[in-house]
Amino acid sequence: MQSLLTRKLMVLTLLVTFFSAVAAADGVQGDEQAAYLSELKRLYLTTDERQALLAHSNALLDTYALRAAYQVGQAQRGDLSYRLRAGASGELILREEVREDQAAAVSVRNRHLSVFGLDPYIHYQCPPGGIRCILLDPRDGQPLLTIVRDHEGAAELAKALSFLIRNLQKG
């Protein structure tokens, strides 16, 4: 009987230790998230998280846009740029502009991304030897947008977009 009680006490102690560690890890993550959002709000001089995340994401999209100048030796060179904005409740609108190298015409496409029920984590790929990184659509894993090949830039953009999607999911 005493050994049964001892086993139950050991299991209970292990469970309490495990859940305490999980709670502590969540607290650190929450602190990091709050610090990240606070820094963005300070950087973009706003008190609104969504506006700060949109401004940061758009600044990153502008910085890492795939321009024709980066595409030396490519058969079809052109500028590829994006712009994000919040649409209706729970919707992210992605504006894609494509300008061919020699043409004055610009092709514009708007895509609507409903964020409700969506995994907010954005994955990206930067193929070796290529000139671009591709951020993947969380709905189906297909390319969402393309930027110049820069691992750090792709990681920062993926992080900002993930935070933005989480923010939009709040309504």
Protein backbone atom coordinates (compact mmCIF):
# COMPACT_ATOMS: atom_id res chain seq x y z
CA MET A 1 0.00 0.00 0.00
CA GLN A 2 2.80 2.38 0.89
CA SER A 3 4.61 1.66 -2.40
CA LEU A 4 1.41 2.44 -4.34
CA LEU A 5 1.13 5.79 -2.57
CA THR A 6 4.80 6.47 -3.22
CA ARG A 7 4.35 5.77 -6.94
CA LYS A 8 1.32 8.05 -7.13
CA LEU A 9 3.22 10.79 -5.32
CA MET A 10 6.17 10.41 -7.73
CA VAL A 11 3.87 10.60 -10.76
CA LEU A 12 2.14 13.65 -9.30
CA THR A 13 5.52 15.31 -8.65
CA LEU A 14 6.64 14.61 -12.22
CA LEU A 15 3.42 16.04 -13.65
CA VAL A 16 3.67 19.19 -11.55
CA THR A 17 7.30 19.64 -12.60
CA PHE A 18 6.42 19.11 -16.26
CA PHE A 19 3.52 21.56 -16.26
CA SER A 20 5.57 24.13 -14.35
CA ALA A 21 8.29 23.92 -17.01
CA VAL A 22 5.72 24.27 -19.81
CA ALA A 23 4.15 27.30 -18.11
CA ALA A 24 7.57 28.90 -17.65
CA ALA A 25 8.43 28.34 -21.32
CA ASP A 26 5.12 29.91 -22.39
CA GLY A 27 5.86 32.92 -20.19
CA VAL A 28 9.23 33.46 -21.87
CA GLN A 29 7.66 33.17 -25.30
CA GLY A 30 4.94 35.62 -24.29
CA ASP A 31 7.58 38.05 -23.00
CA GLU A 32 9.54 37.78 -26.25
CA GLN A 33 6.36 38.33 -28.26
CA ALA A 34 5.42 41.37 -26.19
CA ALA A 35 8.94 42.79 -26.55
CA TYR A 36 8.88 42.26 -30.34
CA LEU A 37 5.51 43.97 -30.72
CA SER A 38 6.51 46.78 -28.37
CA GLU A 39 9.67 47.42 -30.38
CA LEU A 40 7.70 47.53 -33.65
CA LYS A 41 5.18 49.97 -32.19
CA ARG A 42 8.04 52.18 -31.03
CA LEU A 43 9.83 51.92 -34.38
CA TYR A 44 6.75 52.84 -36.43
CA LEU A 45 5.44 55.42 -33.94
CA THR A 46 2.05 53.84 -33.35
CA THR A 47 0.14 52.34 -30.47
CA ASP A 48 -1.67 49.85 -32.71
CA GLU A 49 -0.03 46.43 -33.10
CA ARG A 50 -1.73 45.73 -36.42
CA GLN A 51 -0.55 49.01 -37.94
CA ALA A 52 3.00 48.38 -36.71
CA LEU A 53 2.99 44.84 -38.13
CA LEU A 54 1.61 46.01 -41.48
CA ALA A 55 4.16 48.83 -41.68
CA HIS A 56 7.01 46.47 -40.79
CA SER A 57 5.88 43.78 -43.23
CA ASN A 58 5.52 46.32 -46.04
CA ALA A 59 8.93 47.83 -45.26
CA LEU A 60 10.48 44.35 -45.43
CA LEU A 61 8.65 43.61 -48.68
CA ASP A 62 10.02 46.83 -50.15
CA THR A 63 13.55 46.15 -48.89
CA TYR A 64 13.68 42.58 -50.19
CA ALA A 65 11.67 43.07 -53.39
CA LEU A 66 12.97 41.04 -56.32
CA ARG A 67 14.05 43.77 -58.73
CA ALA A 68 15.25 43.32 -62.31
CA ALA A 69 18.71 44.53 -61.26
CA TYR A 70 19.13 41.38 -59.11
CA GLN A 71 18.29 39.12 -62.03
CA VAL A 72 21.47 39.42 -64.08
CA GLY A 73 21.70 36.68 -66.67
CA GLN A 74 18.03 35.73 -66.40
CA ALA A 75 16.05 35.40 -69.62
CA GLN A 76 13.00 37.27 -68.36
CA ARG A 77 13.88 39.97 -65.89
CA GLY A 78 11.35 42.14 -64.15
CA ASP A 79 10.43 43.88 -60.94
CA LEU A 80 8.27 41.94 -58.51
CA SER A 81 6.88 43.84 -55.55
CA TYR A 82 4.19 43.31 -52.95
CA ARG A 83 2.06 45.36 -50.59
CA LEU A 84 -0.08 44.14 -47.69
CA ARG A 85 -3.18 45.61 -46.14
CA ALA A 86 -5.92 44.44 -43.83
CA GLY A 87 -9.23 43.81 -45.52
CA ALA A 88 -12.52 42.85 -43.96
CA SER A 89 -12.46 41.18 -40.55
CA GLY A 90 -10.02 38.28 -40.65
CA GLU A 91 -8.73 39.03 -44.14
CA LEU A 92 -5.27 39.94 -45.41
CA ILE A 93 -4.98 41.43 -48.90
CA LEU A 94 -1.75 40.88 -50.82
CA ARG A 95 -1.15 43.16 -53.81
CA GLU A 96 1.39 41.83 -56.30
CA GLU A 97 2.90 44.08 -58.98
CA VAL A 98 4.95 42.70 -61.86
CA ARG A 99 6.79 45.00 -64.25
CA GLU A 100 8.63 43.41 -67.15
CA ASP A 101 12.17 44.70 -67.71
CA GLN A 102 11.61 46.48 -71.01
CA ALA A 103 7.88 47.14 -70.75
CA ALA A 104 6.18 50.13 -69.21
CA ALA A 105 3.09 48.06 -68.39
CA VAL A 106 2.50 46.82 -64.88
CA SER A 107 0.50 43.72 -64.11
CA VAL A 108 -1.35 43.92 -60.78
CA ARG A 109 -3.01 41.08 -58.91
CA ASN A 110 -4.78 41.23 -55.55
CA ARG A 111 -5.11 38.08 -53.49
CA HIS A 112 -7.37 37.76 -50.47
CA LEU A 113 -6.20 35.52 -47.66
CA SER A 114 -8.80 34.57 -45.06
CA VAL A 115 -6.89 34.01 -41.82
CA PHE A 116 -9.54 32.34 -39.68
CA GLY A 117 -8.72 28.69 -39.04
CA LEU A 118 -5.29 29.15 -40.60
CA ASP A 119 -1.99 28.01 -39.12
CA PRO A 120 -0.30 31.40 -38.63
CA TYR A 121 3.23 30.07 -39.03
CA ILE A 122 4.74 31.08 -42.39
CA HIS A 123 7.35 28.76 -43.89
CA TYR A 124 9.88 29.84 -46.47
CA GLN A 125 12.44 28.31 -48.81
CA CYS A 126 15.65 29.78 -50.20
CA PRO A 127 16.89 27.26 -52.77
CA PRO A 128 20.69 27.07 -52.97
CA GLY A 129 22.10 28.65 -56.08
CA GLY A 130 18.92 30.60 -56.73
CA ILE A 131 18.29 34.32 -56.60
CA ARG A 132 15.04 34.21 -54.65
CA CYS A 133 13.36 33.07 -51.47
CA ILE A 134 9.78 31.89 -51.55
CA LEU A 135 7.38 32.37 -48.65
CA LEU A 136 4.75 29.66 -48.68
CA ASP A 137 1.01 30.05 -48.38
CA PRO A 138 -0.07 28.52 -45.05
CA ARG A 139 -3.29 27.24 -46.64
CA ASP A 140 -1.72 24.86 -49.15
CA GLY A 141 2.07 25.25 -49.11
CA GLN A 142 2.11 26.87 -52.55
CA PRO A 143 4.22 30.01 -53.16
CA LEU A 144 2.62 33.07 -51.58
CA LEU A 145 5.28 35.63 -52.44
CA THR A 146 8.82 35.82 -53.75
CA ILE A 147 11.64 38.01 -52.50
CA VAL A 148 15.34 38.37 -53.25
CA ARG A 149 17.47 35.56 -51.78
CA ASP A 150 18.31 36.62 -48.23
CA HIS A 151 17.82 34.10 -45.42
CA GLU A 152 17.69 36.71 -42.66
CA GLY A 153 15.26 38.87 -44.60
CA ALA A 154 13.03 35.88 -45.35
CA ALA A 155 13.11 34.81 -41.70
CA GLU A 156 12.21 38.30 -40.46
CA LEU A 157 9.42 38.65 -43.03
CA ALA A 158 8.04 35.21 -42.13
CA LYS A 159 8.08 36.20 -38.45
CA ALA A 160 6.32 39.52 -39.11
CA LEU A 161 3.69 37.85 -41.31
CA SER A 162 3.10 35.16 -38.69
CA PHE A 163 2.52 37.81 -36.03
CA LEU A 164 0.28 39.74 -38.42
CA ILE A 165 -1.85 36.68 -39.17
CA ARG A 166 -2.21 36.00 -35.43
CA ASN A 167 -3.24 39.60 -34.91
CA LEU A 168 -5.83 39.45 -37.70
CA GLN A 169 -7.21 36.20 -36.28
CA LYS A 170 -8.16 38.09 -33.13
CA GLY A 171 -10.69 40.00 -35.21
